[in-house]
Amino acid sequence: MNFPEELKYTKDHEWVRIEGDEATVGITDYAQSELGEIVFVDVTALDEELEAEEVFGSIDAVKTTSDLMMPISGEVVEANEDLEEHPELVNSDPYGKGWIAKVKVSNVGELLSAAEYKAFIGK
């Protein structure tokens, strides 16, 4: 299982890559493996200002649907349009082409390091 050191993580199994005042958000390799085959990703909060831990969309796998939780506070400014046609990118490349949303950051809050996240999930 892959946990890039340069990313930050949440206990809701999202990862965050912060670059200046913008952050890219996705779900972790662990989360996609637990969900199984991803069949649909829906970002419902495009152009909305949300607080950390608010729902910004959902992700559907063959067997379940899960809410996507904001890992930081900010405005959802972009959704990964490639996931409309290819939701499986979340499975095959969760930290790259399988990113889910971009957020204009207003407050980073508390995030976990890769080591802290690995300890949290017991890896």
PDB file of N, CA and C in Angstrom:
ATOM      1  N   MET A   1       0.839  -1.171   0.000  1.00  0.00           N
ATOM      2  CA  MET A   1       0.000   0.000   0.000  1.00  0.00           C
ATOM      3  C   MET A   1       0.891   1.244   0.000  1.00  0.00           C
ATOM      4  N   ASN A   2       0.466   2.252  -0.711  1.00  0.00           N
ATOM      5  CA  ASN A   2       1.276   3.445  -0.936  1.00  0.00           C
ATOM      6  C   ASN A   2       0.747   4.628  -0.117  1.00  0.00           C
ATOM      7  N   PHE A   3       1.669   5.324   0.582  1.00  0.00           N
ATOM      8  CA  PHE A   3       1.317   6.517   1.364  1.00  0.00           C
ATOM      9  C   PHE A   3       2.389   7.582   1.133  1.00  0.00           C
ATOM     10  N   PRO A   4       2.274   8.360   0.043  1.00  0.00           N
ATOM     11  CA  PRO A   4       3.315   9.356  -0.251  1.00  0.00           C
ATOM     12  C   PRO A   4       3.566  10.295   0.934  1.00  0.00           C
ATOM     13  N   GLU A   5       4.851  10.476   1.254  1.00  0.00           N
ATOM     14  CA  GLU A   5       5.264  11.277   2.403  1.00  0.00           C
ATOM     15  C   GLU A   5       4.907  12.754   2.253  1.00  0.00           C
ATOM     16  N   GLU A   6       4.852  13.265   1.009  1.00  0.00           N
ATOM     17  CA  GLU A   6       4.609  14.700   0.805  1.00  0.00           C
ATOM     18  C   GLU A   6       3.151  15.099   0.994  1.00  0.00           C
ATOM     19  N   LEU A   7       2.263  14.117   1.116  1.00  0.00           N
ATOM     20  CA  LEU A   7       0.839  14.390   1.287  1.00  0.00           C
ATOM     21  C   LEU A   7       0.471  14.435   2.770  1.00  0.00           C
ATOM     22  N   LYS A   8      -0.696  15.027   3.050  1.00  0.00           N
ATOM     23  CA  LYS A   8      -1.291  14.994   4.383  1.00  0.00           C
ATOM     24  C   LYS A   8      -2.549  14.139   4.291  1.00  0.00           C
ATOM     25  N   TYR A   9      -3.002  13.609   5.423  1.00  0.00           N
ATOM     26  CA  TYR A   9      -4.093  12.641   5.449  1.00  0.00           C
ATOM     27  C   TYR A   9      -5.113  12.978   6.536  1.00  0.00           C
ATOM     28  N   THR A  10      -6.297  12.375   6.417  1.00  0.00           N
ATOM     29  CA  THR A  10      -7.329  12.538   7.440  1.00  0.00           C
ATOM     30  C   THR A  10      -7.772  11.173   7.943  1.00  0.00           C
ATOM     31  N   LYS A  11      -8.463  11.166   9.066  1.00  0.00           N
ATOM     32  CA  LYS A  11      -9.020   9.934   9.606  1.00  0.00           C
ATOM     33  C   LYS A  11     -10.227   9.459   8.799  1.00  0.00           C
ATOM     34  N   ASP A  12     -10.717  10.305   7.871  1.00  0.00           N
ATOM     35  CA  ASP A  12     -11.794   9.907   6.953  1.00  0.00           C
ATOM     36  C   ASP A  12     -11.230   9.311   5.667  1.00  0.00           C
ATOM     37  N   HIS A  13      -9.906   9.103   5.611  1.00  0.00           N
ATOM     38  CA  HIS A  13      -9.211   8.432   4.511  1.00  0.00           C
ATOM     39  C   HIS A  13      -9.116   9.276   3.245  1.00  0.00           C
ATOM     40  N   GLU A  14      -9.044  10.598   3.414  1.00  0.00           N
ATOM     41  CA  GLU A  14      -8.735  11.463   2.291  1.00  0.00           C
ATOM     42  C   GLU A  14      -7.265  11.883   2.388  1.00  0.00           C
ATOM     43  N   TRP A  15      -6.703  12.221   1.242  1.00  0.00           N
ATOM     44  CA  TRP A  15      -5.367  12.804   1.214  1.00  0.00           C
ATOM     45  C   TRP A  15      -5.470  14.229   0.677  1.00  0.00           C
ATOM     46  N   VAL A  16      -4.474  15.044   1.010  1.00  0.00           N
ATOM     47  CA  VAL A  16      -4.445  16.447   0.614  1.00  0.00           C
ATOM     48  C   VAL A  16      -3.038  16.800   0.147  1.00  0.00           C
ATOM     49  N   ARG A  17      -2.948  17.416  -1.031  1.00  0.00           N
ATOM     50  CA  ARG A  17      -1.685  17.977  -1.520  1.00  0.00           C
ATOM     51  C   ARG A  17      -1.880  19.496  -1.563  1.00  0.00           C
ATOM     52  N   ILE A  18      -1.175  20.219  -0.699  1.00  0.00           N
ATOM     53  CA  ILE A  18      -1.330  21.673  -0.614  1.00  0.00           C
ATOM     54  C   ILE A  18      -0.224  22.339  -1.419  1.00  0.00           C
ATOM     55  N   GLU A  19      -0.653  23.208  -2.343  1.00  0.00           N
ATOM     56  CA  GLU A  19       0.272  23.976  -3.171  1.00  0.00           C
ATOM     57  C   GLU A  19      -0.188  25.431  -3.145  1.00  0.00           C
ATOM     58  N   GLY A  20       0.495  26.243  -2.327  1.00  0.00           N
ATOM     59  CA  GLY A  20       0.090  27.636  -2.160  1.00  0.00           C
ATOM     60  C   GLY A  20      -1.250  27.703  -1.452  1.00  0.00           C
ATOM     61  N   ASP A  21      -2.225  28.411  -2.072  1.00  0.00           N
ATOM     62  CA  ASP A  21      -3.551  28.519  -1.449  1.00  0.00           C
ATOM     63  C   ASP A  21      -4.550  27.546  -2.056  1.00  0.00           C
ATOM     64  N   GLU A  22      -4.047  26.551  -2.812  1.00  0.00           N
ATOM     65  CA  GLU A  22      -4.924  25.548  -3.405  1.00  0.00           C
ATOM     66  C   GLU A  22      -4.508  24.153  -2.946  1.00  0.00           C
ATOM     67  N   ALA A  23      -5.484  23.301  -2.780  1.00  0.00           N
ATOM     68  CA  ALA A  23      -5.220  21.927  -2.367  1.00  0.00           C
ATOM     69  C   ALA A  23      -5.926  20.967  -3.312  1.00  0.00           C
ATOM     70  N   THR A  24      -5.264  19.875  -3.617  1.00  0.00           N
ATOM     71  CA  THR A  24      -5.863  18.783  -4.368  1.00  0.00           C
ATOM     72  C   THR A  24      -6.243  17.718  -3.359  1.00  0.00           C
ATOM     73  N   VAL A  25      -7.438  17.142  -3.533  1.00  0.00           N
ATOM     74  CA  VAL A  25      -7.992  16.189  -2.575  1.00  0.00           C
ATOM     75  C   VAL A  25      -8.373  14.899  -3.292  1.00  0.00           C
ATOM     76  N   GLY A  26      -8.141  13.782  -2.622  1.00  0.00           N
ATOM     77  CA  GLY A  26      -8.571  12.483  -3.136  1.00  0.00           C
ATOM     78  C   GLY A  26      -8.747  11.524  -1.979  1.00  0.00           C
ATOM     79  N   ILE A  27      -9.028  10.261  -2.304  1.00  0.00           N
ATOM     80  CA  ILE A  27      -9.095   9.246  -1.247  1.00  0.00           C
ATOM     81  C   ILE A  27      -7.814   8.428  -1.284  1.00  0.00           C
ATOM     82  N   THR A  28      -7.457   7.872  -0.152  1.00  0.00           N
ATOM     83  CA  THR A  28      -6.202   7.145  -0.023  1.00  0.00           C
ATOM     84  C   THR A  28      -6.244   5.786  -0.724  1.00  0.00           C
ATOM     85  N   ASP A  29      -5.062   5.255  -0.931  1.00  0.00           N
ATOM     86  CA  ASP A  29      -4.916   3.914  -1.493  1.00  0.00           C
ATOM     87  C   ASP A  29      -5.651   2.905  -0.604  1.00  0.00           C
ATOM     88  N   TYR A  30      -5.540   3.085   0.706  1.00  0.00           N
ATOM     89  CA  TYR A  30      -6.239   2.215   1.650  1.00  0.00           C
ATOM     90  C   TYR A  30      -7.754   2.289   1.437  1.00  0.00           C
ATOM     91  N   ALA A  31      -8.283   3.521   1.310  1.00  0.00           N
ATOM     92  CA  ALA A  31      -9.732   3.698   1.143  1.00  0.00           C
ATOM     93  C   ALA A  31     -10.229   3.048  -0.139  1.00  0.00           C
ATOM     94  N   GLN A  32      -9.516   3.266  -1.247  1.00  0.00           N
ATOM     95  CA  GLN A  32      -9.988   2.680  -2.502  1.00  0.00           C
ATOM     96  C   GLN A  32      -9.923   1.159  -2.449  1.00  0.00           C
ATOM     97  N   SER A  33      -8.932   0.595  -1.742  1.00  0.00           N
ATOM     98  CA  SER A  33      -8.851  -0.863  -1.647  1.00  0.00           C
ATOM     99  C   SER A  33      -9.982  -1.425  -0.791  1.00  0.00           C
ATOM    100  N   GLU A  34     -10.383  -0.678   0.247  1.00  0.00           N
ATOM    101  CA  GLU A  34     -11.493  -1.103   1.101  1.00  0.00           C
ATOM    102  C   GLU A  34     -12.837  -0.995   0.369  1.00  0.00           C
ATOM    103  N   LEU A  35     -12.996   0.042  -0.454  1.00  0.00           N
ATOM    104  CA  LEU A  35     -14.247   0.233  -1.187  1.00  0.00           C
ATOM    105  C   LEU A  35     -14.407  -0.780  -2.318  1.00  0.00           C
ATOM    106  N   GLY A  36     -13.323  -1.144  -2.949  1.00  0.00           N
ATOM    107  CA  GLY A  36     -13.396  -2.030  -4.107  1.00  0.00           C
ATOM    108  C   GLY A  36     -13.564  -1.222  -5.383  1.00  0.00           C
ATOM    109  N   GLU A  37     -14.126  -1.839  -6.393  1.00  0.00           N
ATOM    110  CA  GLU A  37     -14.238  -1.216  -7.710  1.00  0.00           C
ATOM    111  C   GLU A  37     -15.119   0.038  -7.664  1.00  0.00           C
ATOM    112  N   ILE A  38     -14.506   1.190  -7.962  1.00  0.00           N
ATOM    113  CA  ILE A  38     -15.215   2.472  -7.984  1.00  0.00           C
ATOM    114  C   ILE A  38     -15.961   2.593  -9.306  1.00  0.00           C
ATOM    115  N   VAL A  39     -17.267   2.896  -9.226  1.00  0.00           N
ATOM    116  CA  VAL A  39     -18.082   2.995 -10.435  1.00  0.00           C
ATOM    117  C   VAL A  39     -18.633   4.398 -10.690  1.00  0.00           C
ATOM    118  N   PHE A  40     -18.563   5.286  -9.684  1.00  0.00           N
ATOM    119  CA  PHE A  40     -19.105   6.633  -9.862  1.00  0.00           C
ATOM    120  C   PHE A  40     -18.556   7.546  -8.774  1.00  0.00           C
ATOM    121  N   VAL A  41     -18.179   8.771  -9.168  1.00  0.00           N
ATOM    122  CA  VAL A  41     -17.725   9.785  -8.218  1.00  0.00           C
ATOM    123  C   VAL A  41     -18.538  11.043  -8.484  1.00  0.00           C
ATOM    124  N   ASP A  42     -19.123  11.618  -7.433  1.00  0.00           N
ATOM    125  CA  ASP A  42     -19.988  12.784  -7.578  1.00  0.00           C
ATOM    126  C   ASP A  42     -19.559  13.871  -6.595  1.00  0.00           C
ATOM    127  N   VAL A  43     -19.068  14.993  -7.142  1.00  0.00           N
ATOM    128  CA  VAL A  43     -18.729  16.152  -6.316  1.00  0.00           C
ATOM    129  C   VAL A  43     -19.925  17.087  -6.370  1.00  0.00           C
ATOM    130  N   THR A  44     -20.650  17.174  -5.258  1.00  0.00           N
ATOM    131  CA  THR A  44     -21.904  17.945  -5.223  1.00  0.00           C
ATOM    132  C   THR A  44     -21.712  19.375  -4.747  1.00  0.00           C
ATOM    133  N   ALA A  45     -20.532  19.716  -4.234  1.00  0.00           N
ATOM    134  CA  ALA A  45     -20.322  21.017  -3.601  1.00  0.00           C
ATOM    135  C   ALA A  45     -19.463  21.960  -4.444  1.00  0.00           C
ATOM    136  N   LEU A  46     -19.452  21.782  -5.754  1.00  0.00           N
ATOM    137  CA  LEU A  46     -18.656  22.650  -6.618  1.00  0.00           C
ATOM    138  C   LEU A  46     -19.066  24.102  -6.421  1.00  0.00           C
ATOM    139  N   ASP A  47     -18.070  24.975  -6.284  1.00  0.00           N
ATOM    140  CA  ASP A  47     -18.252  26.418  -6.061  1.00  0.00           C
ATOM    141  C   ASP A  47     -18.868  26.749  -4.704  1.00  0.00           C
ATOM    142  N   GLU A  48     -18.829  25.813  -3.762  1.00  0.00           N
ATOM    143  CA  GLU A  48     -19.346  26.062  -2.412  1.00  0.00           C
ATOM    144  C   GLU A  48     -18.197  26.179  -1.421  1.00  0.00           C
ATOM    145  N   GLU A  49     -18.375  27.021  -0.420  1.00  0.00           N
ATOM    146  CA  GLU A  49     -17.429  27.172   0.690  1.00  0.00           C
ATOM    147  C   GLU A  49     -17.865  26.202   1.789  1.00  0.00           C
ATOM    148  N   LEU A  50     -16.968  25.304   2.173  1.00  0.00           N
ATOM    149  CA  LEU A  50     -17.297  24.294   3.183  1.00  0.00           C
ATOM    150  C   LEU A  50     -16.260  24.288   4.293  1.00  0.00           C
ATOM    151  N   GLU A  51     -16.685  23.823   5.444  1.00  0.00           N
ATOM    152  CA  GLU A  51     -15.784  23.620   6.573  1.00  0.00           C
ATOM    153  C   GLU A  51     -15.244  22.191   6.513  1.00  0.00           C
ATOM    154  N   ALA A  52     -14.118  21.976   7.170  1.00  0.00           N
ATOM    155  CA  ALA A  52     -13.561  20.628   7.277  1.00  0.00           C
ATOM    156  C   ALA A  52     -14.604  19.691   7.877  1.00  0.00           C
ATOM    157  N   GLU A  53     -14.649  18.473   7.365  1.00  0.00           N
ATOM    158  CA  GLU A  53     -15.531  17.397   7.789  1.00  0.00           C
ATOM    159  C   GLU A  53     -16.966  17.525   7.284  1.00  0.00           C
ATOM    160  N   GLU A  54     -17.250  18.515   6.409  1.00  0.00           N
ATOM    161  CA  GLU A  54     -18.553  18.570   5.755  1.00  0.00           C
ATOM    162  C   GLU A  54     -18.508  17.697   4.504  1.00  0.00           C
ATOM    163  N   VAL A  55     -19.649  17.184   4.104  1.00  0.00           N
ATOM    164  CA  VAL A  55     -19.746  16.330   2.925  1.00  0.00           C
ATOM    165  C   VAL A  55     -19.644  17.192   1.659  1.00  0.00           C
ATOM    166  N   PHE A  56     -18.749  16.780   0.742  1.00  0.00           N
ATOM    167  CA  PHE A  56     -18.634  17.508  -0.519  1.00  0.00           C
ATOM    168  C   PHE A  56     -19.022  16.668  -1.725  1.00  0.00           C
ATOM    169  N   GLY A  57     -19.413  15.425  -1.495  1.00  0.00           N
ATOM    170  CA  GLY A  57     -19.836  14.555  -2.589  1.00  0.00           C
ATOM    171  C   GLY A  57     -19.947  13.124  -2.106  1.00  0.00           C
ATOM    172  N   SER A  58     -19.978  12.221  -3.080  1.00  0.00           N
ATOM    173  CA  SER A  58     -20.060  10.801  -2.735  1.00  0.00           C
ATOM    174  C   SER A  58     -19.262   9.987  -3.740  1.00  0.00           C
ATOM    175  N   ILE A  59     -18.939   8.784  -3.309  1.00  0.00           N
ATOM    176  CA  ILE A  59     -18.204   7.856  -4.163  1.00  0.00           C
ATOM    177  C   ILE A  59     -18.920   6.515  -4.097  1.00  0.00           C
ATOM    178  N   ASP A  60     -19.225   5.971  -5.278  1.00  0.00           N
ATOM    179  CA  ASP A  60     -19.952   4.709  -5.358  1.00  0.00           C
ATOM    180  C   ASP A  60     -19.022   3.598  -5.807  1.00  0.00           C
ATOM    181  N   ALA A  61     -19.046   2.511  -5.073  1.00  0.00           N
ATOM    182  CA  ALA A  61     -18.348   1.297  -5.462  1.00  0.00           C
ATOM    183  C   ALA A  61     -19.420   0.254  -5.782  1.00  0.00           C
ATOM    184  N   VAL A  62     -19.004  -0.878  -6.294  1.00  0.00           N
ATOM    185  CA  VAL A  62     -19.961  -1.918  -6.676  1.00  0.00           C
ATOM    186  C   VAL A  62     -20.866  -2.286  -5.502  1.00  0.00           C
ATOM    187  N   LYS A  63     -20.293  -2.334  -4.282  1.00  0.00           N
ATOM    188  CA  LYS A  63     -21.055  -2.822  -3.126  1.00  0.00           C
ATOM    189  C   LYS A  63     -21.540  -1.747  -2.166  1.00  0.00           C
ATOM    190  N   THR A  64     -21.081  -0.499  -2.304  1.00  0.00           N
ATOM    191  CA  THR A  64     -21.414   0.512  -1.301  1.00  0.00           C
ATOM    192  C   THR A  64     -21.292   1.921  -1.857  1.00  0.00           C
ATOM    193  N   THR A  65     -21.883   2.871  -1.137  1.00  0.00           N
ATOM    194  CA  THR A  65     -21.722   4.298  -1.424  1.00  0.00           C
ATOM    195  C   THR A  65     -21.193   4.957  -0.161  1.00  0.00           C
ATOM    196  N   SER A  66     -20.213   5.836  -0.314  1.00  0.00           N
ATOM    197  CA  SER A  66     -19.632   6.541   0.828  1.00  0.00           C
ATOM    198  C   SER A  66     -19.633   8.038   0.574  1.00  0.00           C
ATOM    199  N   ASP A  67     -19.832   8.807   1.649  1.00  0.00           N
ATOM    200  CA  ASP A  67     -19.713  10.256   1.559  1.00  0.00           C
ATOM    201  C   ASP A  67     -18.243  10.634   1.429  1.00  0.00           C
ATOM    202  N   LEU A  68     -17.998  11.710   0.693  1.00  0.00           N
ATOM    203  CA  LEU A  68     -16.673  12.319   0.628  1.00  0.00           C
ATOM    204  C   LEU A  68     -16.679  13.490   1.604  1.00  0.00           C
ATOM    205  N   MET A  69     -15.733  13.495   2.541  1.00  0.00           N
ATOM    206  CA  MET A  69     -15.677  14.513   3.583  1.00  0.00           C
ATOM    207  C   MET A  69     -14.550  15.492   3.282  1.00  0.00           C
ATOM    208  N   MET A  70     -14.840  16.787   3.433  1.00  0.00           N
ATOM    209  CA  MET A  70     -13.818  17.811   3.222  1.00  0.00           C
ATOM    210  C   MET A  70     -12.709  17.642   4.258  1.00  0.00           C
ATOM    211  N   PRO A  71     -11.471  17.529   3.809  1.00  0.00           N
ATOM    212  CA  PRO A  71     -10.373  17.389   4.763  1.00  0.00           C
ATOM    213  C   PRO A  71      -9.901  18.722   5.340  1.00  0.00           C
ATOM    214  N   ILE A  72     -10.236  19.822   4.655  1.00  0.00           N
ATOM    215  CA  ILE A  72      -9.835  21.171   5.057  1.00  0.00           C
ATOM    216  C   ILE A  72     -11.004  22.115   4.805  1.00  0.00           C
ATOM    217  N   SER A  73     -10.910  23.324   5.306  1.00  0.00           N
ATOM    218  CA  SER A  73     -11.941  24.324   5.012  1.00  0.00           C
ATOM    219  C   SER A  73     -11.547  25.086   3.753  1.00  0.00           C
ATOM    220  N   GLY A  74     -12.541  25.359   2.902  1.00  0.00           N
ATOM    221  CA  GLY A  74     -12.268  26.116   1.693  1.00  0.00           C
ATOM    222  C   GLY A  74     -13.377  25.982   0.670  1.00  0.00           C
ATOM    223  N   GLU A  75     -13.150  26.590  -0.493  1.00  0.00           N
ATOM    224  CA  GLU A  75     -14.122  26.561  -1.585  1.00  0.00           C
ATOM    225  C   GLU A  75     -13.731  25.493  -2.603  1.00  0.00           C
ATOM    226  N   VAL A  76     -14.665  24.625  -2.923  1.00  0.00           N
ATOM    227  CA  VAL A  76     -14.431  23.596  -3.945  1.00  0.00           C
ATOM    228  C   VAL A  76     -14.459  24.297  -5.303  1.00  0.00           C
ATOM    229  N   VAL A  77     -13.305  24.374  -5.960  1.00  0.00           N
ATOM    230  CA  VAL A  77     -13.204  25.146  -7.198  1.00  0.00           C
ATOM    231  C   VAL A  77     -13.145  24.289  -8.456  1.00  0.00           C
ATOM    232  N   GLU A  78     -12.898  22.984  -8.295  1.00  0.00           N
ATOM    233  CA  GLU A  78     -12.807  22.114  -9.473  1.00  0.00           C
ATOM    234  C   GLU A  78     -13.069  20.675  -9.072  1.00  0.00           C
ATOM    235  N   ALA A  79     -13.730  19.955  -9.966  1.00  0.00           N
ATOM    236  CA  ALA A  79     -13.908  18.509  -9.816  1.00  0.00           C
ATOM    237  C   ALA A  79     -13.161  17.843 -10.963  1.00  0.00           C
ATOM    238  N   ASN A  80     -12.628  16.683 -10.729  1.00  0.00           N
ATOM    239  CA  ASN A  80     -11.886  15.949 -11.756  1.00  0.00           C
ATOM    240  C   ASN A  80     -12.865  15.395 -12.786  1.00  0.00           C
ATOM    241  N   GLU A  81     -12.969  16.065 -13.918  1.00  0.00           N
ATOM    242  CA  GLU A  81     -13.917  15.666 -14.962  1.00  0.00           C
ATOM    243  C   GLU A  81     -13.588  14.315 -15.579  1.00  0.00           C
ATOM    244  N   ASP A  82     -12.324  13.892 -15.517  1.00  0.00           N
ATOM    245  CA  ASP A  82     -11.940  12.587 -16.061  1.00  0.00           C
ATOM    246  C   ASP A  82     -12.656  11.443 -15.350  1.00  0.00           C
ATOM    247  N   LEU A  83     -13.057  11.682 -14.097  1.00  0.00           N
ATOM    248  CA  LEU A  83     -13.719  10.623 -13.328  1.00  0.00           C
ATOM    249  C   LEU A  83     -15.145  10.358 -13.809  1.00  0.00           C
ATOM    250  N   GLU A  84     -15.730  11.297 -14.561  1.00  0.00           N
ATOM    251  CA  GLU A  84     -17.071  11.073 -15.108  1.00  0.00           C
ATOM    252  C   GLU A  84     -17.072   9.870 -16.047  1.00  0.00           C
ATOM    253  N   GLU A  85     -16.060   9.790 -16.896  1.00  0.00           N
ATOM    254  CA  GLU A  85     -15.947   8.677 -17.852  1.00  0.00           C
ATOM    255  C   GLU A  85     -15.106   7.518 -17.318  1.00  0.00           C
ATOM    256  N   HIS A  86     -14.200   7.828 -16.372  1.00  0.00           N
ATOM    257  CA  HIS A  86     -13.254   6.819 -15.890  1.00  0.00           C
ATOM    258  C   HIS A  86     -13.119   6.844 -14.367  1.00  0.00           C
ATOM    259  N   PRO A  87     -14.188   6.491 -13.642  1.00  0.00           N
ATOM    260  CA  PRO A  87     -14.100   6.507 -12.172  1.00  0.00           C
ATOM    261  C   PRO A  87     -13.071   5.524 -11.630  1.00  0.00           C
ATOM    262  N   GLU A  88     -12.709   4.524 -12.432  1.00  0.00           N
ATOM    263  CA  GLU A  88     -11.734   3.525 -12.003  1.00  0.00           C
ATOM    264  C   GLU A  88     -10.341   4.119 -11.796  1.00  0.00           C
ATOM    265  N   LEU A  89     -10.109   5.361 -12.261  1.00  0.00           N
ATOM    266  CA  LEU A  89      -8.827   6.020 -12.006  1.00  0.00           C
ATOM    267  C   LEU A  89      -8.574   6.168 -10.505  1.00  0.00           C
ATOM    268  N   VAL A  90      -9.643   6.262  -9.713  1.00  0.00           N
ATOM    269  CA  VAL A  90      -9.488   6.337  -8.261  1.00  0.00           C
ATOM    270  C   VAL A  90      -8.849   5.049  -7.747  1.00  0.00           C
ATOM    271  N   ASN A  91      -9.171   3.912  -8.365  1.00  0.00           N
ATOM    272  CA  ASN A  91      -8.568   2.639  -7.978  1.00  0.00           C
ATOM    273  C   ASN A  91      -7.133   2.508  -8.499  1.00  0.00           C
ATOM    274  N   SER A  92      -6.929   2.840  -9.756  1.00  0.00           N
ATOM    275  CA  SER A  92      -5.637   2.576 -10.381  1.00  0.00           C
ATOM    276  C   SER A  92      -4.578   3.634 -10.065  1.00  0.00           C
ATOM    277  N   ASP A  93      -4.968   4.862  -9.781  1.00  0.00           N
ATOM    278  CA  ASP A  93      -4.009   5.946  -9.538  1.00  0.00           C
ATOM    279  C   ASP A  93      -4.591   6.949  -8.536  1.00  0.00           C
ATOM    280  N   PRO A  94      -4.821   6.500  -7.277  1.00  0.00           N
ATOM    281  CA  PRO A  94      -5.520   7.362  -6.306  1.00  0.00           C
ATOM    282  C   PRO A  94      -4.803   8.672  -5.992  1.00  0.00           C
ATOM    283  N   TYR A  95      -3.468   8.707  -6.110  1.00  0.00           N
ATOM    284  CA  TYR A  95      -2.720   9.917  -5.760  1.00  0.00           C
ATOM    285  C   TYR A  95      -2.334  10.749  -6.985  1.00  0.00           C
ATOM    286  N   GLY A  96      -2.735  10.292  -8.156  1.00  0.00           N
ATOM    287  CA  GLY A  96      -2.396  10.993  -9.392  1.00  0.00           C
ATOM    288  C   GLY A  96      -3.643  11.341 -10.176  1.00  0.00           C
ATOM    289  N   LYS A  97      -3.886  10.609 -11.263  1.00  0.00           N
ATOM    290  CA  LYS A  97      -5.029  10.886 -12.137  1.00  0.00           C
ATOM    291  C   LYS A  97      -6.374  10.657 -11.455  1.00  0.00           C
ATOM    292  N   GLY A  98      -6.384   9.977 -10.311  1.00  0.00           N
ATOM    293  CA  GLY A  98      -7.622   9.699  -9.591  1.00  0.00           C
ATOM    294  C   GLY A  98      -7.982  10.737  -8.533  1.00  0.00           C
ATOM    295  N   TRP A  99      -7.335  11.914  -8.591  1.00  0.00           N
ATOM    296  CA  TRP A  99      -7.710  12.981  -7.644  1.00  0.00           C
ATOM    297  C   TRP A  99      -9.185  13.315  -7.839  1.00  0.00           C
ATOM    298  N   ILE A 100      -9.821  13.878  -6.808  1.00  0.00           N
ATOM    299  CA  ILE A 100     -11.267  14.101  -6.867  1.00  0.00           C
ATOM    300  C   ILE A 100     -11.646  15.575  -6.987  1.00  0.00           C
ATOM    301  N   ALA A 101     -11.018  16.446  -6.195  1.00  0.00           N
ATOM    302  CA  ALA A 101     -11.413  17.862  -6.225  1.00  0.00           C
ATOM    303  C   ALA A 101     -10.222  18.754  -5.906  1.00  0.00           C
ATOM    304  N   LYS A 102     -10.361  20.006  -6.327  1.00  0.00           N
ATOM    305  CA  LYS A 102      -9.399  21.046  -5.958  1.00  0.00           C
ATOM    306  C   LYS A 102     -10.138  22.072  -5.108  1.00  0.00           C
ATOM    307  N   VAL A 103      -9.455  22.553  -4.078  1.00  0.00           N
ATOM    308  CA  VAL A 103     -10.068  23.427  -3.088  1.00  0.00           C
ATOM    309  C   VAL A 103      -9.195  24.661  -2.895  1.00  0.00           C
ATOM    310  N   LYS A 104      -9.820  25.837  -2.908  1.00  0.00           N
ATOM    311  CA  LYS A 104      -9.129  27.064  -2.509  1.00  0.00           C
ATOM    312  C   LYS A 104      -9.167  27.093  -0.991  1.00  0.00           C
ATOM    313  N   VAL A 105      -8.002  26.979  -0.373  1.00  0.00           N
ATOM    314  CA  VAL A 105      -7.881  26.770   1.070  1.00  0.00           C
ATOM    315  C   VAL A 105      -8.187  28.041   1.859  1.00  0.00           C
ATOM    316  N   SER A 106      -9.044  27.897   2.886  1.00  0.00           N
ATOM    317  CA  SER A 106      -9.238  28.986   3.844  1.00  0.00           C
ATOM    318  C   SER A 106      -8.671  28.618   5.214  1.00  0.00           C
ATOM    319  N   ASN A 107      -8.643  27.301   5.551  1.00  0.00           N
ATOM    320  CA  ASN A 107      -8.080  26.847   6.818  1.00  0.00           C
ATOM    321  C   ASN A 107      -7.675  25.385   6.678  1.00  0.00           C
ATOM    322  N   VAL A 108      -6.397  25.109   6.899  1.00  0.00           N
ATOM    323  CA  VAL A 108      -5.892  23.741   6.767  1.00  0.00           C
ATOM    324  C   VAL A 108      -6.335  22.868   7.938  1.00  0.00           C
ATOM    325  N   GLY A 109      -6.322  23.410   9.142  1.00  0.00           N
ATOM    326  CA  GLY A 109      -6.749  22.621  10.302  1.00  0.00           C
ATOM    327  C   GLY A 109      -5.772  21.511  10.635  1.00  0.00           C
ATOM    328  N   GLU A 110      -6.293  20.439  11.202  1.00  0.00           N
ATOM    329  CA  GLU A 110      -5.473  19.323  11.672  1.00  0.00           C
ATOM    330  C   GLU A 110      -5.435  18.211  10.633  1.00  0.00           C
ATOM    331  N   LEU A 111      -4.258  17.933  10.131  1.00  0.00           N
ATOM    332  CA  LEU A 111      -4.070  16.834   9.186  1.00  0.00           C
ATOM    333  C   LEU A 111      -2.983  15.908   9.711  1.00  0.00           C
ATOM    334  N   LEU A 112      -3.001  14.676   9.247  1.00  0.00           N
ATOM    335  CA  LEU A 112      -2.036  13.677   9.674  1.00  0.00           C
ATOM    336  C   LEU A 112      -0.885  13.571   8.681  1.00  0.00           C
ATOM    337  N   SER A 113       0.306  13.263   9.178  1.00  0.00           N
ATOM    338  CA  SER A 113       1.436  12.941   8.311  1.00  0.00           C
ATOM    339  C   SER A 113       1.222  11.514   7.778  1.00  0.00           C
ATOM    340  N   ALA A 114       2.040  11.117   6.821  1.00  0.00           N
ATOM    341  CA  ALA A 114       1.945   9.746   6.298  1.00  0.00           C
ATOM    342  C   ALA A 114       2.170   8.730   7.418  1.00  0.00           C
ATOM    343  N   ALA A 115       3.141   8.965   8.272  1.00  0.00           N
ATOM    344  CA  ALA A 115       3.431   8.044   9.386  1.00  0.00           C
ATOM    345  C   ALA A 115       2.252   7.971  10.358  1.00  0.00           C
ATOM    346  N   GLU A 116       1.660   9.114  10.664  1.00  0.00           N
ATOM    347  CA  GLU A 116       0.506   9.129  11.576  1.00  0.00           C
ATOM    348  C   GLU A 116      -0.688   8.400  10.958  1.00  0.00           C
ATOM    349  N   TYR A 117      -0.898   8.585   9.658  1.00  0.00           N
ATOM    350  CA  TYR A 117      -2.016   7.901   8.984  1.00  0.00           C
ATOM    351  C   TYR A 117      -1.787   6.388   8.968  1.00  0.00           C
ATOM    352  N   LYS A 118      -0.563   5.962   8.653  1.00  0.00           N
ATOM    353  CA  LYS A 118      -0.262   4.526   8.649  1.00  0.00           C
ATOM    354  C   LYS A 118      -0.531   3.921  10.026  1.00  0.00           C
ATOM    355  N   ALA A 119      -0.125   4.624  11.080  1.00  0.00           N
ATOM    356  CA  ALA A 119      -0.375   4.133  12.441  1.00  0.00           C
ATOM    357  C   ALA A 119      -1.880   4.071  12.706  1.00  0.00           C
ATOM    358  N   PHE A 120      -2.632   5.062  12.234  1.00  0.00           N
ATOM    359  CA  PHE A 120      -4.083   5.113  12.429  1.00  0.00           C
ATOM    360  C   PHE A 120      -4.777   3.904  11.824  1.00  0.00           C
ATOM    361  N   ILE A 121      -4.356   3.494  10.615  1.00  0.00           N
ATOM    362  CA  ILE A 121      -5.001   2.351   9.943  1.00  0.00           C
ATOM    363  C   ILE A 121      -4.336   1.023  10.277  1.00  0.00           C
ATOM    364  N   GLY A 122      -3.282   1.071  11.081  1.00  0.00           N
ATOM    365  CA  GLY A 122      -2.617  -0.151  11.522  1.00  0.00           C
ATOM    366  C   GLY A 122      -1.716  -0.773  10.477  1.00  0.00           C
ATOM    367  N   LYS A 123      -1.089   0.032   9.661  1.00  0.00           N
ATOM    368  CA  LYS A 123      -0.169  -0.479   8.620  1.00  0.00           C
ATOM    369  C   LYS A 123       1.265  -0.167   8.955  1.00  0.00           C
TER     370      LYS A 123
END
